[in-house]
Amino acid sequence: MYLYDEIDRDMLADRASEFRGQVARRLSGEITEDQFKPLRLMNGLYLQLHAYMLRVSVPYGSLSPVQLRALAAVSRKYDKGYGHFTTRTNIQFHWIKLKDTPDILDELATVGLHAIQTSGNCIRNITADPYAGATADEVDDPRVWSEVLRQWSTFHPEFSFLPRKFKFAVTASPKDRTAAKAHDIGLVLRRNRDGVLGFEVMVGGGMGRTPHIASTIREHLPADHLLSYVEAVLRVYNRHGRRDNMYKARIKILVASLGIDEFRRQVDAVWALIEQGEIDLPPSELARIRAAFAPLNFESLPAISPTFEAERANNPALARFARNNLRPHKQPGYAIVEVSLKAPGATPGDATAEQMELIADLGERYSLGDVRVTHAQNLVLPHVKLDDLPAVHAALAAAKLATPNIDLVTDIIACPGLDYCALANARAISVAQDIGEKFTSPDKAELIGELKIKISGCINACGHHHVGHIGILGVDKKGEEFYQLTLGGSGAEDASLGEMLGPALAYDRVAGAVETLVDTYLSVRVGDERFLDTFRRVGVAPFKEAVYADAH
């Protein structure tokens, strides 16, 4: 992974020192909360319902064991002993004292972590495929290009005060594990017929009040020109984005209003004026960054492990875990292990200090010092030997981290909702827990198959509900919590926005409605169809009829 150099370290230390002075002025009353607000947001510090929340960046979802232990230490020393991993692959600490934030940032800076650009109208944390460098289906390592974008965008003077926040996702596989089409810019690495590496550039995706799926603005951008081209995109957005109306300020609104052809024309016109050689990365710099992601020293191992196969045959829990939480690795004798943060009754995305320390230990001992965060609020050990899987599973099980439910009905994405967030209209965590209680049988969960439920406590859509197979949005109706359900969304390569099911449901009806939706799906599916495929075949009618039958 990329290790911060002296320039990076000095930058983080200087920023933490600067913020220490700003906090001191706020605590002394020298500046007001209104004056302090833009300063704290530039350092990832939010004021939520009960306390300050600090959002720490995890660039492209990659963590070293040392960094993960540092996050665990922050949670234990300054919070309530846990952290919350988000759909942006960041981690949030929800019980922070203002006076402690400079010390936290100092401690994080020593391990190359920070909270820069995790808030504000700037380029936010860049997400990438959590299987990068481990999956056989990628054409290049997307972390290389994510790091290129990170270095280019951090403190970029032209893009520090955009009309609105701006998000990138980078993937290099046919299977999209980043929700690229739901981003302001989604980048998909491919090789053209001549073998030239390049990007499909998609622009104008996003969720929130007016969700959009991104449109392709360029089918194949040669990779060498990535920075100059996305700079042209951002310049057009910076020029025309609606700063007079925050609800119309995202690039998705600009692309929709201009149309993708006119937007493309304007981008190409700006790109033609850019001195590309001054912006695009020199080959020497690309080589420097790429060297940080050089292929690891994998052992030469047989593709099948007799040790693992024997353990799996005698251990039903390990066998179920293997079916649902293991993914193929590009190197024979290894596997990608997904660690679910969605145990029964747990808060989706939460990990205790002890759990983080355990994952750090497992990453160090069994995964070549590599841990990843997924946009589905889970963790990944990307390089585990098949021989080591029984030991890894046993350690995870002891820490309540071996729930075998990746991409199944209880692997629910949920934002913090009204339990924490000042913007929320309704709870999301308890809704996820109530739904989970309906599907405690692992046999039924496997029978149901892939089903992605996503819950947001407000229209800002931090839970990605618009692209859930079942999406759930909390709304306020005269001071009461209601929930709008949508069906048929997808954040994958077949991206789509969900279709509204019907009138919003009261809090106590949501879990039962989801159970009814699942039962309806099982009654009408053909063969091994996924929920999404069944919905696309039969439409909303049978689901709507089943859920609202008792209202007629």
Protein backbone atom coordinates (compact mmCIF):
# COMPACT_ATOMS: atom_id res chain seq x y z
CA MET A 1 0.00 0.00 0.00
CA TYR A 2 1.01 3.63 -0.38
CA LEU A 3 3.08 4.92 2.53
CA TYR A 4 3.04 8.64 3.23
CA ASP A 5 6.36 10.31 2.51
CA GLU A 6 7.92 13.31 4.23
CA ILE A 7 5.78 15.76 2.27
CA ASP A 8 2.59 13.95 3.29
CA ARG A 9 3.67 13.76 6.94
CA ASP A 10 4.58 17.44 7.12
CA MET A 11 1.26 18.35 5.51
CA LEU A 12 -0.74 16.37 8.08
CA ALA A 13 1.27 17.73 11.00
CA ASP A 14 0.85 21.31 9.80
CA ARG A 15 -2.88 20.86 9.28
CA ALA A 16 -3.35 19.35 12.74
CA SER A 17 -1.37 22.20 14.29
CA GLU A 18 -3.45 24.78 12.43
CA PHE A 19 -6.66 23.18 13.66
CA ARG A 20 -5.37 23.13 17.23
CA GLY A 21 -5.18 26.91 17.09
CA GLN A 22 -8.69 27.16 15.65
CA VAL A 23 -10.11 24.93 18.39
CA ALA A 24 -8.36 27.01 21.06
CA ARG A 25 -9.94 30.18 19.69
CA ARG A 26 -13.37 28.54 19.71
CA LEU A 27 -13.01 27.22 23.27
CA SER A 28 -11.90 30.63 24.50
CA GLY A 29 -14.83 32.35 22.80
CA GLU A 30 -12.59 34.32 20.47
CA ILE A 31 -14.64 33.01 17.53
CA THR A 32 -18.32 32.05 17.43
CA GLU A 33 -19.79 28.71 16.40
CA ASP A 34 -20.85 30.24 13.08
CA GLN A 35 -17.27 31.36 12.46
CA PHE A 36 -15.89 28.02 13.60
CA LYS A 37 -18.26 25.85 11.56
CA PRO A 38 -16.50 26.11 8.17
CA LEU A 39 -13.15 25.52 9.88
CA ARG A 40 -14.25 22.36 11.69
CA LEU A 41 -16.02 20.98 8.62
CA MET A 42 -12.80 21.34 6.63
CA ASN A 43 -11.32 18.99 9.23
CA GLY A 44 -14.13 16.43 9.23
CA LEU A 45 -15.73 17.57 12.48
CA TYR A 46 -19.53 17.69 12.62
CA LEU A 47 -21.83 18.81 15.41
CA GLN A 48 -24.52 16.13 15.69
CA LEU A 49 -27.43 15.51 18.04
CA HIS A 50 -25.49 14.52 21.15
CA ALA A 51 -21.84 15.36 20.54
CA TYR A 52 -19.26 16.17 17.92
CA MET A 53 -18.63 13.53 15.26
CA LEU A 54 -15.21 13.14 13.65
CA ARG A 55 -15.08 11.55 10.20
CA VAL A 56 -11.68 10.08 9.38
CA SER A 57 -10.68 9.39 5.80
CA VAL A 58 -9.74 5.89 4.68
CA PRO A 59 -8.48 6.56 1.14
CA TYR A 60 -9.82 3.96 -1.30
CA GLY A 61 -10.70 1.80 1.70
CA SER A 62 -7.15 0.59 2.43
CA LEU A 63 -5.80 0.26 5.96
CA SER A 64 -2.62 -1.14 7.42
CA PRO A 65 -2.79 -3.03 10.72
CA VAL A 66 -0.94 -0.12 12.36
CA GLN A 67 -3.59 2.32 11.14
CA LEU A 68 -6.46 0.11 12.23
CA ARG A 69 -4.95 -0.21 15.70
CA ALA A 70 -4.67 3.58 15.84
CA LEU A 71 -8.36 3.89 15.02
CA ALA A 72 -9.16 1.38 17.74
CA ALA A 73 -7.09 3.42 20.18
CA VAL A 74 -8.98 6.60 19.27
CA SER A 75 -12.30 4.84 19.82
CA ARG A 76 -11.20 3.59 23.24
CA LYS A 77 -9.50 6.76 24.46
CA TYR A 78 -11.74 9.47 23.04
CA ASP A 79 -15.06 7.82 22.13
CA LYS A 80 -17.19 5.04 23.61
CA GLY A 81 -15.09 2.14 22.42
CA TYR A 82 -16.31 1.73 18.87
CA GLY A 83 -16.27 3.34 15.43
CA HIS A 84 -18.73 3.37 12.54
CA PHE A 85 -17.59 2.48 9.01
CA THR A 86 -19.54 4.33 6.33
CA THR A 87 -20.62 3.90 2.71
CA ARG A 88 -17.73 6.21 1.76
CA THR A 89 -15.29 3.73 3.41
CA ASN A 90 -14.53 6.35 6.07
CA ILE A 91 -14.81 5.74 9.80
CA GLN A 92 -16.82 8.00 12.11
CA PHE A 93 -16.49 8.57 15.84
CA HIS A 94 -19.79 9.88 17.21
CA TRP A 95 -18.94 10.90 20.79
CA ILE A 96 -16.00 13.26 20.42
CA LYS A 97 -15.22 16.20 22.73
CA LEU A 98 -14.12 19.35 20.94
CA LYS A 99 -11.14 19.82 23.23
CA ASP A 100 -9.81 16.38 22.26
CA THR A 101 -9.93 16.78 18.48
CA PRO A 102 -6.43 18.31 18.08
CA ASP A 103 -4.89 15.44 20.04
CA ILE A 104 -6.83 12.91 17.95
CA LEU A 105 -5.63 14.46 14.70
CA ASP A 106 -2.06 14.53 15.98
CA GLU A 107 -2.23 10.83 16.86
CA LEU A 108 -3.79 9.91 13.53
CA ALA A 109 -1.20 11.93 11.61
CA THR A 110 1.59 9.76 13.02
CA VAL A 111 0.15 6.76 11.13
CA GLY A 112 -0.83 8.61 7.95
CA LEU A 113 -4.51 9.15 8.75
CA HIS A 114 -6.47 12.39 8.77
CA ALA A 115 -9.92 13.95 8.39
CA ILE A 116 -9.08 16.32 5.54
CA GLN A 117 -11.77 16.69 2.86
CA THR A 118 -14.19 14.34 4.59
CA SER A 119 -16.64 17.24 4.64
CA GLY A 120 -17.25 20.49 2.81
CA ASN A 121 -17.78 21.39 -0.83
CA CYS A 122 -14.64 19.70 -2.08
CA ILE A 123 -13.47 16.40 -3.54
CA ARG A 124 -14.27 13.84 -0.85
CA ASN A 125 -12.59 10.53 -0.05
CA ILE A 126 -12.08 8.50 -3.23
CA THR A 127 -13.44 4.96 -3.14
CA ALA A 128 -12.14 1.93 -5.02
CA ASP A 129 -12.81 -1.78 -5.39
CA PRO A 130 -12.11 -3.40 -1.99
CA TYR A 131 -10.81 -6.48 -3.84
CA ALA A 132 -8.15 -4.44 -5.69
CA GLY A 133 -4.91 -6.32 -6.13
CA ALA A 134 -6.57 -9.59 -5.17
CA THR A 135 -9.23 -10.29 -7.78
CA ALA A 136 -8.37 -11.92 -11.10
CA ASP A 137 -10.92 -9.97 -13.13
CA GLU A 138 -9.30 -6.51 -12.86
CA VAL A 139 -7.32 -5.06 -15.78
CA ASP A 140 -5.19 -2.88 -13.50
CA ASP A 141 -4.97 -1.97 -9.84
CA PRO A 142 -7.54 0.81 -9.24
CA ARG A 143 -5.74 1.85 -6.05
CA VAL A 144 -2.92 3.26 -8.18
CA TRP A 145 -5.27 5.66 -9.90
CA SER A 146 -7.17 6.42 -6.71
CA GLU A 147 -3.89 7.48 -5.13
CA VAL A 148 -3.11 9.60 -8.18
CA LEU A 149 -6.46 11.34 -7.72
CA ARG A 150 -5.90 11.71 -3.97
CA GLN A 151 -2.58 13.44 -4.41
CA TRP A 152 -3.94 15.66 -7.19
CA SER A 153 -7.11 16.66 -5.37
CA THR A 154 -5.87 17.23 -1.80
CA PHE A 155 -5.84 20.99 -1.22
CA HIS A 156 -6.35 21.62 -4.95
CA PRO A 157 -6.86 25.41 -4.85
CA GLU A 158 -9.39 25.47 -7.68
CA PHE A 159 -11.59 22.74 -6.23
CA SER A 160 -11.61 23.48 -2.50
CA PHE A 161 -14.85 25.47 -2.71
CA LEU A 162 -16.98 23.72 -5.30
CA PRO A 163 -20.73 24.34 -5.63
CA ARG A 164 -21.26 21.15 -3.63
CA LYS A 165 -19.42 18.04 -2.40
CA PHE A 166 -17.88 15.85 -5.12
CA LYS A 167 -17.27 12.10 -5.11
CA PHE A 168 -15.16 9.75 -7.23
CA ALA A 169 -15.26 5.95 -7.49
CA VAL A 170 -12.67 3.86 -9.36
CA THR A 171 -12.98 0.24 -10.41
CA ALA A 172 -11.14 -2.02 -12.83
CA SER A 173 -13.41 -5.06 -12.91
CA PRO A 174 -16.53 -5.98 -14.88
CA LYS A 175 -18.17 -6.58 -11.49
CA ASP A 176 -18.67 -3.15 -9.95
CA ARG A 177 -18.14 -3.22 -6.19
CA THR A 178 -17.95 0.60 -5.86
CA ALA A 179 -21.38 1.87 -7.02
CA ALA A 180 -19.48 3.82 -9.70
CA LYS A 181 -22.64 4.88 -11.54
CA ALA A 182 -24.00 6.51 -8.39
CA HIS A 183 -21.05 8.93 -8.16
CA ASP A 184 -20.33 12.40 -9.46
CA ILE A 185 -17.56 10.80 -11.50
CA GLY A 186 -17.31 7.04 -11.91
CA LEU A 187 -14.17 5.65 -13.54
CA VAL A 188 -14.01 2.13 -14.98
CA LEU A 189 -10.60 0.92 -16.15
CA ARG A 190 -10.60 -1.10 -19.37
CA ARG A 191 -8.32 -1.92 -22.28
CA ASN A 192 -9.46 -1.09 -25.80
CA ARG A 193 -9.02 -3.32 -28.84
CA ASP A 194 -5.39 -2.24 -29.13
CA GLY A 195 -4.70 -3.08 -25.52
CA VAL A 196 -4.39 0.56 -24.45
CA LEU A 197 -5.35 1.12 -20.83
CA GLY A 198 -8.04 3.72 -20.37
CA PHE A 199 -11.13 4.80 -18.49
CA GLU A 200 -14.80 4.82 -19.24
CA VAL A 201 -15.68 8.16 -17.65
CA MET A 202 -19.19 8.46 -16.24
CA VAL A 203 -20.52 11.77 -14.94
CA GLY A 204 -23.57 13.00 -13.06
CA GLY A 205 -24.51 10.14 -10.80
CA GLY A 206 -25.63 10.66 -7.24
CA MET A 207 -28.34 10.04 -4.74
CA GLY A 208 -30.06 12.41 -2.33
CA ARG A 209 -33.12 14.51 -3.10
CA THR A 210 -32.89 14.02 -6.87
CA PRO A 211 -31.14 10.72 -7.63
CA HIS A 212 -29.48 10.10 -10.98
CA ILE A 213 -27.52 7.29 -12.59
CA ALA A 214 -24.33 8.60 -14.21
CA SER A 215 -24.06 8.93 -17.98
CA THR A 216 -20.98 7.99 -19.99
CA ILE A 217 -19.20 11.09 -21.19
CA ARG A 218 -16.21 9.27 -22.69
CA GLU A 219 -16.02 5.63 -23.65
CA HIS A 220 -12.24 5.32 -23.53
CA LEU A 221 -10.01 8.01 -22.10
CA PRO A 222 -6.33 7.01 -22.32
CA ALA A 223 -5.19 6.56 -18.75
CA ASP A 224 -2.28 8.98 -19.17
CA HIS A 225 -4.76 11.85 -19.59
CA LEU A 226 -6.88 11.14 -16.52
CA LEU A 227 -5.99 14.25 -14.53
CA SER A 228 -6.35 16.79 -17.32
CA TYR A 229 -9.71 15.36 -18.37
CA VAL A 230 -11.29 15.23 -14.92
CA GLU A 231 -9.91 18.72 -14.31
CA ALA A 232 -11.83 19.85 -17.39
CA VAL A 233 -14.98 18.20 -16.02
CA LEU A 234 -14.56 19.96 -12.70
CA ARG A 235 -13.88 23.32 -14.32
CA VAL A 236 -17.14 23.12 -16.24
CA TYR A 237 -18.95 22.17 -13.05
CA ASN A 238 -17.21 24.90 -11.06
CA ARG A 239 -18.25 27.47 -13.64
CA HIS A 240 -21.91 26.51 -14.04
CA GLY A 241 -22.85 24.71 -10.79
CA ARG A 242 -25.76 26.26 -8.89
CA ARG A 243 -24.25 28.01 -5.88
CA ASP A 244 -27.54 29.86 -5.35
CA ASN A 245 -29.49 26.69 -4.52
CA MET A 246 -27.93 23.86 -2.52
CA TYR A 247 -30.63 21.46 -3.68
CA LYS A 248 -29.60 22.02 -7.29
CA ALA A 249 -25.87 22.38 -6.74
CA ARG A 250 -24.62 18.85 -7.49
CA ILE A 251 -23.10 18.07 -10.87
CA LYS A 252 -25.93 15.60 -11.56
CA ILE A 253 -28.33 18.57 -11.84
CA LEU A 254 -26.03 20.38 -14.26
CA VAL A 255 -25.59 17.29 -16.44
CA ALA A 256 -29.34 16.67 -16.46
CA SER A 257 -30.16 20.28 -17.33
CA LEU A 258 -27.57 20.61 -20.10
CA GLY A 259 -27.89 17.06 -21.39
CA ILE A 260 -24.87 14.76 -21.60
CA ASP A 261 -24.03 15.77 -25.19
CA GLU A 262 -23.82 19.49 -24.40
CA PHE A 263 -21.97 18.79 -21.17
CA ARG A 264 -19.48 16.67 -23.12
CA ARG A 265 -19.04 19.45 -25.70
CA GLN A 266 -18.22 21.96 -22.99
CA VAL A 267 -15.79 19.60 -21.27
CA ASP A 268 -14.01 18.85 -24.54
CA ALA A 269 -13.74 22.57 -25.26
CA VAL A 270 -12.11 23.21 -21.89
CA TRP A 271 -9.91 20.13 -22.22
CA ALA A 272 -8.60 21.43 -25.55
CA LEU A 273 -7.40 24.60 -23.81
CA ILE A 274 -5.65 22.84 -20.93
CA GLU A 275 -1.90 22.43 -21.04
CA GLN A 276 -2.16 18.70 -20.54
CA GLY A 277 1.54 18.23 -20.00
CA GLU A 278 1.41 20.51 -16.99
CA ILE A 279 -1.50 18.65 -15.37
CA ASP A 280 -1.24 15.02 -16.41
CA LEU A 281 1.01 12.92 -14.28
CA PRO A 282 4.61 12.53 -15.52
CA PRO A 283 5.56 8.90 -16.16
CA SER A 284 8.14 9.07 -13.37
CA GLU A 285 5.48 10.08 -10.83
CA LEU A 286 3.09 7.39 -12.01
CA ALA A 287 5.90 4.85 -11.66
CA ARG A 288 6.61 6.11 -8.12
CA ILE A 289 2.98 5.64 -7.10
CA ARG A 290 2.60 2.34 -8.92
CA ALA A 291 5.65 0.97 -7.09
CA ALA A 292 3.71 1.28 -3.82
CA PHE A 293 1.20 -1.23 -5.17
CA ALA A 294 3.66 -3.70 -6.67
CA PRO A 295 2.52 -7.33 -6.70
CA LEU A 296 2.93 -8.98 -3.32
CA ASN A 297 5.17 -11.94 -2.62
CA PHE A 298 2.54 -14.65 -2.73
CA GLU A 299 3.65 -18.18 -2.04
CA SER A 300 3.32 -20.83 -4.72
CA LEU A 301 0.53 -22.99 -3.36
CA PRO A 302 -1.81 -25.64 -4.77
CA ALA A 303 -5.22 -24.38 -5.81
CA ILE A 304 -6.92 -26.77 -3.35
CA SER A 305 -6.00 -27.02 0.31
CA PRO A 306 -6.57 -30.48 1.82
CA THR A 307 -6.39 -28.91 5.29
CA PHE A 308 -9.15 -26.44 4.54
CA GLU A 309 -11.30 -28.98 2.68
CA ALA A 310 -11.11 -31.42 5.59
CA GLU A 311 -12.01 -28.71 8.13
CA ARG A 312 -14.86 -27.47 5.97
CA ALA A 313 -16.29 -30.98 5.63
CA ASN A 314 -16.35 -31.41 9.40
CA ASN A 315 -17.40 -27.91 10.42
CA PRO A 316 -20.82 -26.74 9.14
CA ALA A 317 -20.22 -23.20 10.43
CA LEU A 318 -16.98 -22.92 8.47
CA ALA A 319 -18.66 -24.39 5.41
CA ARG A 320 -21.44 -21.79 5.56
CA PHE A 321 -18.92 -19.00 6.10
CA ALA A 322 -16.95 -20.22 3.08
CA ARG A 323 -20.05 -20.25 0.88
CA ASN A 324 -21.03 -16.71 1.72
CA ASN A 325 -17.97 -14.75 2.85
CA LEU A 326 -15.13 -16.09 0.70
CA ARG A 327 -14.35 -14.83 -2.79
CA PRO A 328 -11.88 -16.22 -5.35
CA HIS A 329 -8.35 -14.82 -5.30
CA LYS A 330 -6.18 -14.33 -8.36
CA GLN A 331 -3.40 -16.35 -6.71
CA PRO A 332 -3.95 -20.12 -6.34
CA GLY A 333 -4.07 -21.19 -2.71
CA TYR A 334 -5.47 -17.88 -1.43
CA ALA A 335 -8.93 -16.43 -0.80
CA ILE A 336 -10.50 -13.04 -0.24
CA VAL A 337 -12.29 -13.01 3.13
CA GLU A 338 -15.15 -10.58 3.76
CA VAL A 339 -15.76 -9.81 7.43
CA SER A 340 -19.36 -8.91 8.13
CA LEU A 341 -20.10 -6.05 10.51
CA LYS A 342 -23.77 -7.09 10.46
CA ALA A 343 -24.08 -9.66 13.25
CA PRO A 344 -27.63 -10.20 14.60
CA GLY A 345 -28.62 -7.21 16.71
CA ALA A 346 -25.51 -5.23 15.77
CA THR A 347 -25.44 -1.70 14.39
CA PRO A 348 -24.53 -2.00 10.69
CA GLY A 349 -20.98 -0.80 10.15
CA ASP A 350 -19.99 -0.59 13.82
CA ALA A 351 -16.82 -2.24 15.11
CA THR A 352 -15.59 -2.18 18.69
CA ALA A 353 -12.01 -1.31 19.60
CA GLU A 354 -11.39 -4.97 20.40
CA GLN A 355 -12.81 -6.08 17.06
CA MET A 356 -10.67 -3.58 15.17
CA GLU A 357 -7.59 -4.77 17.02
CA LEU A 358 -8.44 -8.38 16.20
CA ILE A 359 -8.85 -7.60 12.50
CA ALA A 360 -5.55 -5.72 12.60
CA ASP A 361 -3.88 -8.78 14.14
CA LEU A 362 -5.43 -11.10 11.56
CA GLY A 363 -4.46 -8.75 8.74
CA GLU A 364 -0.89 -8.70 9.99
CA ARG A 365 -0.61 -12.43 10.57
CA TYR A 366 -2.70 -13.87 7.76
CA SER A 367 -3.36 -11.18 5.08
CA LEU A 368 0.05 -9.76 4.22
CA GLY A 369 -0.57 -6.66 6.33
CA ASP A 370 -3.62 -5.56 4.35
CA VAL A 371 -7.16 -4.70 5.47
CA ARG A 372 -9.92 -3.10 3.39
CA VAL A 373 -13.19 -1.29 4.05
CA THR A 374 -16.13 -1.82 1.67
CA HIS A 375 -18.83 0.67 0.72
CA ALA A 376 -21.27 -1.91 2.14
CA GLN A 377 -19.86 -1.18 5.62
CA ASN A 378 -17.90 -4.40 5.99
CA LEU A 379 -14.19 -5.24 6.20
CA VAL A 380 -12.00 -7.43 4.00
CA LEU A 381 -8.90 -9.53 4.57
CA PRO A 382 -7.85 -9.69 0.92
CA HIS A 383 -4.97 -12.20 0.94
CA VAL A 384 -5.63 -15.20 3.18
CA LYS A 385 -4.11 -18.61 2.48
CA LEU A 386 -6.64 -21.40 2.20
CA ASP A 387 -4.65 -23.33 4.80
CA ASP A 388 -5.18 -20.48 7.25
CA LEU A 389 -8.94 -20.12 6.78
CA PRO A 390 -9.95 -22.40 9.67
CA ALA A 391 -7.83 -20.38 12.12
CA VAL A 392 -9.09 -17.06 10.73
CA HIS A 393 -12.70 -18.22 10.94
CA ALA A 394 -12.27 -19.43 14.51
CA ALA A 395 -10.79 -16.10 15.59
CA LEU A 396 -13.56 -14.16 13.85
CA ALA A 397 -16.24 -16.37 15.40
CA ALA A 398 -14.86 -15.78 18.89
CA ALA A 399 -15.16 -12.02 18.31
CA LYS A 400 -18.70 -12.27 16.81
CA LEU A 401 -17.32 -11.31 13.39
CA ALA A 402 -18.02 -14.53 11.49
CA THR A 403 -21.64 -13.84 10.48
CA PRO A 404 -21.97 -15.66 7.11
CA ASN A 405 -24.22 -13.15 5.38
CA ILE A 406 -22.31 -11.12 2.79
CA ASP A 407 -24.82 -9.82 0.18
CA LEU A 408 -27.65 -11.70 1.91
CA VAL A 409 -30.81 -10.29 3.45
CA THR A 410 -29.22 -9.34 6.80
CA ASP A 411 -26.17 -7.66 5.25
CA ILE A 412 -28.02 -4.35 5.50
CA ILE A 413 -26.51 -0.94 4.79
CA ALA A 414 -27.80 1.71 7.19
CA CYS A 415 -26.78 5.25 8.02
CA PRO A 416 -26.63 6.38 11.70
CA GLY A 417 -30.06 8.00 11.29
CA LEU A 418 -31.92 9.80 14.03
CA ASP A 419 -29.95 8.06 16.77
CA TYR A 420 -27.05 10.39 15.96
CA CYS A 421 -27.55 12.66 12.97
CA ALA A 422 -29.04 16.15 13.25
CA LEU A 423 -30.22 15.98 9.63
CA ALA A 424 -32.15 12.72 9.99
CA ASN A 425 -35.94 12.42 10.01
CA ALA A 426 -36.13 8.86 11.30
CA ARG A 427 -34.16 6.01 12.81
CA ALA A 428 -32.27 3.63 10.55
CA ILE A 429 -30.27 1.43 12.93
CA SER A 430 -33.23 -0.04 14.78
CA VAL A 431 -35.08 -0.62 11.50
CA ALA A 432 -32.13 -2.69 10.28
CA GLN A 433 -32.10 -4.62 13.55
CA ASP A 434 -35.87 -5.27 13.36
CA ILE A 435 -35.53 -6.57 9.81
CA GLY A 436 -32.62 -8.77 10.86
CA GLU A 437 -34.77 -10.40 13.51
CA LYS A 438 -37.17 -11.57 10.78
CA PHE A 439 -34.38 -13.51 9.07
CA THR A 440 -32.39 -15.12 11.85
CA SER A 441 -32.41 -18.49 10.09
CA PRO A 442 -29.19 -18.76 8.04
CA ASP A 443 -30.83 -21.49 5.95
CA LYS A 444 -33.62 -19.10 4.92
CA ALA A 445 -31.11 -16.33 4.23
CA GLU A 446 -29.23 -18.60 1.85
CA LEU A 447 -32.49 -19.71 0.25
CA ILE A 448 -33.37 -16.07 -0.41
CA GLY A 449 -29.97 -15.44 -1.95
CA GLU A 450 -28.55 -12.07 -2.92
CA LEU A 451 -30.73 -9.29 -1.54
CA LYS A 452 -29.36 -5.84 -0.80
CA ILE A 453 -31.40 -3.79 1.66
CA LYS A 454 -30.29 -0.19 2.15
CA ILE A 455 -31.72 2.26 4.69
CA SER A 456 -31.40 6.04 4.95
CA GLY A 457 -32.74 8.16 7.79
CA CYS A 458 -33.28 11.15 5.52
CA ILE A 459 -33.32 12.26 1.89
CA ASN A 460 -29.54 12.84 1.89
CA ALA A 461 -29.33 9.08 1.21
CA CYS A 462 -26.16 8.24 3.14
CA GLY A 463 -27.53 4.69 3.27
CA HIS A 464 -27.77 4.49 -0.56
CA HIS A 465 -31.46 3.54 -0.39
CA HIS A 466 -32.13 4.66 -3.97
CA VAL A 467 -29.98 1.78 -5.29
CA GLY A 468 -31.09 -0.91 -2.87
CA HIS A 469 -32.88 -4.00 -4.15
CA ILE A 470 -35.13 -2.93 -1.30
CA GLY A 471 -34.60 0.71 -0.38
CA ILE A 472 -35.99 2.25 2.79
CA LEU A 473 -36.17 6.02 3.35
CA GLY A 474 -37.15 7.55 6.67
CA VAL A 475 -39.51 10.52 6.43
CA ASP A 476 -41.19 12.77 8.98
CA LYS A 477 -44.98 12.94 9.02
CA LYS A 478 -46.17 15.46 11.61
CA GLY A 479 -43.47 14.42 14.04
CA GLU A 480 -43.85 10.67 13.48
CA GLU A 481 -41.41 8.33 11.75
CA PHE A 482 -42.62 6.84 8.48
CA TYR A 483 -40.71 4.94 5.83
CA GLN A 484 -40.94 5.03 2.05
CA LEU A 485 -40.03 1.73 0.36
CA THR A 486 -38.55 1.37 -3.12
CA LEU A 487 -37.83 -1.79 -5.08
CA GLY A 488 -35.50 -2.72 -7.92
CA GLY A 489 -32.56 -0.42 -7.35
CA SER A 490 -28.99 -1.50 -7.99
CA GLY A 491 -25.63 0.10 -7.33
CA ALA A 492 -23.73 -2.49 -9.35
CA GLU A 493 -22.75 -2.55 -13.01
CA ASP A 494 -26.47 -2.92 -13.88
CA ALA A 495 -27.22 0.27 -11.94
CA SER A 496 -30.82 1.42 -11.56
CA LEU A 497 -32.94 3.54 -9.26
CA GLY A 498 -35.62 1.88 -7.19
CA GLU A 499 -39.32 2.22 -7.98
CA MET A 500 -41.65 3.45 -5.26
CA LEU A 501 -43.76 0.70 -3.71
CA GLY A 502 -46.62 2.83 -2.38
CA PRO A 503 -47.59 5.04 0.57
CA ALA A 504 -45.07 5.38 3.39
CA LEU A 505 -45.39 2.90 6.25
CA ALA A 506 -45.30 3.55 9.97
CA TYR A 507 -42.19 2.46 11.85
CA ASP A 508 -43.78 -0.67 13.32
CA ARG A 509 -44.83 -1.95 9.88
CA VAL A 510 -41.50 -1.78 8.08
CA ALA A 511 -39.91 -5.07 9.15
CA GLY A 512 -43.15 -6.97 8.50
CA ALA A 513 -43.43 -5.34 5.08
CA VAL A 514 -39.92 -6.47 4.17
CA GLU A 515 -40.78 -10.00 5.28
CA THR A 516 -43.87 -9.86 3.05
CA LEU A 517 -41.78 -8.64 0.13
CA VAL A 518 -39.38 -11.52 0.57
CA ASP A 519 -42.15 -14.09 0.86
CA THR A 520 -43.77 -12.70 -2.28
CA TYR A 521 -40.47 -12.94 -4.12
CA LEU A 522 -40.00 -16.56 -3.07
CA SER A 523 -43.51 -17.38 -4.29
CA VAL A 524 -43.03 -15.93 -7.80
CA ARG A 525 -39.35 -16.37 -8.58
CA VAL A 526 -38.25 -18.74 -11.29
CA GLY A 527 -35.38 -21.08 -10.55
CA ASP A 528 -32.49 -19.36 -8.82
CA GLU A 529 -33.47 -15.83 -9.79
CA ARG A 530 -32.19 -13.08 -7.54
CA PHE A 531 -34.75 -10.77 -5.95
CA LEU A 532 -33.64 -8.04 -8.35
CA ASP A 533 -34.12 -10.24 -11.40
CA THR A 534 -37.55 -11.35 -10.24
CA PHE A 535 -38.62 -7.76 -9.65
CA ARG A 536 -37.42 -6.72 -13.09
CA ARG A 537 -39.40 -9.58 -14.62
CA VAL A 538 -42.72 -9.21 -12.76
CA GLY A 539 -42.73 -5.51 -11.82
CA VAL A 540 -43.99 -3.82 -8.69
CA ALA A 541 -47.64 -4.97 -8.80
CA PRO A 542 -47.47 -8.31 -6.92
CA PHE A 543 -45.26 -6.80 -4.23
CA LYS A 544 -47.49 -3.78 -3.78
CA GLU A 545 -50.60 -5.90 -3.58
CA ALA A 546 -49.06 -8.15 -0.93
CA VAL A 547 -47.81 -5.33 1.30
CA TYR A 548 -50.93 -3.19 1.16
CA ALA A 549 -53.50 -6.00 1.09
CA ASP A 550 -54.56 -5.42 4.69
CA ALA A 551 -55.19 -1.74 3.94
CA HIS A 552 -57.99 -2.44 1.45
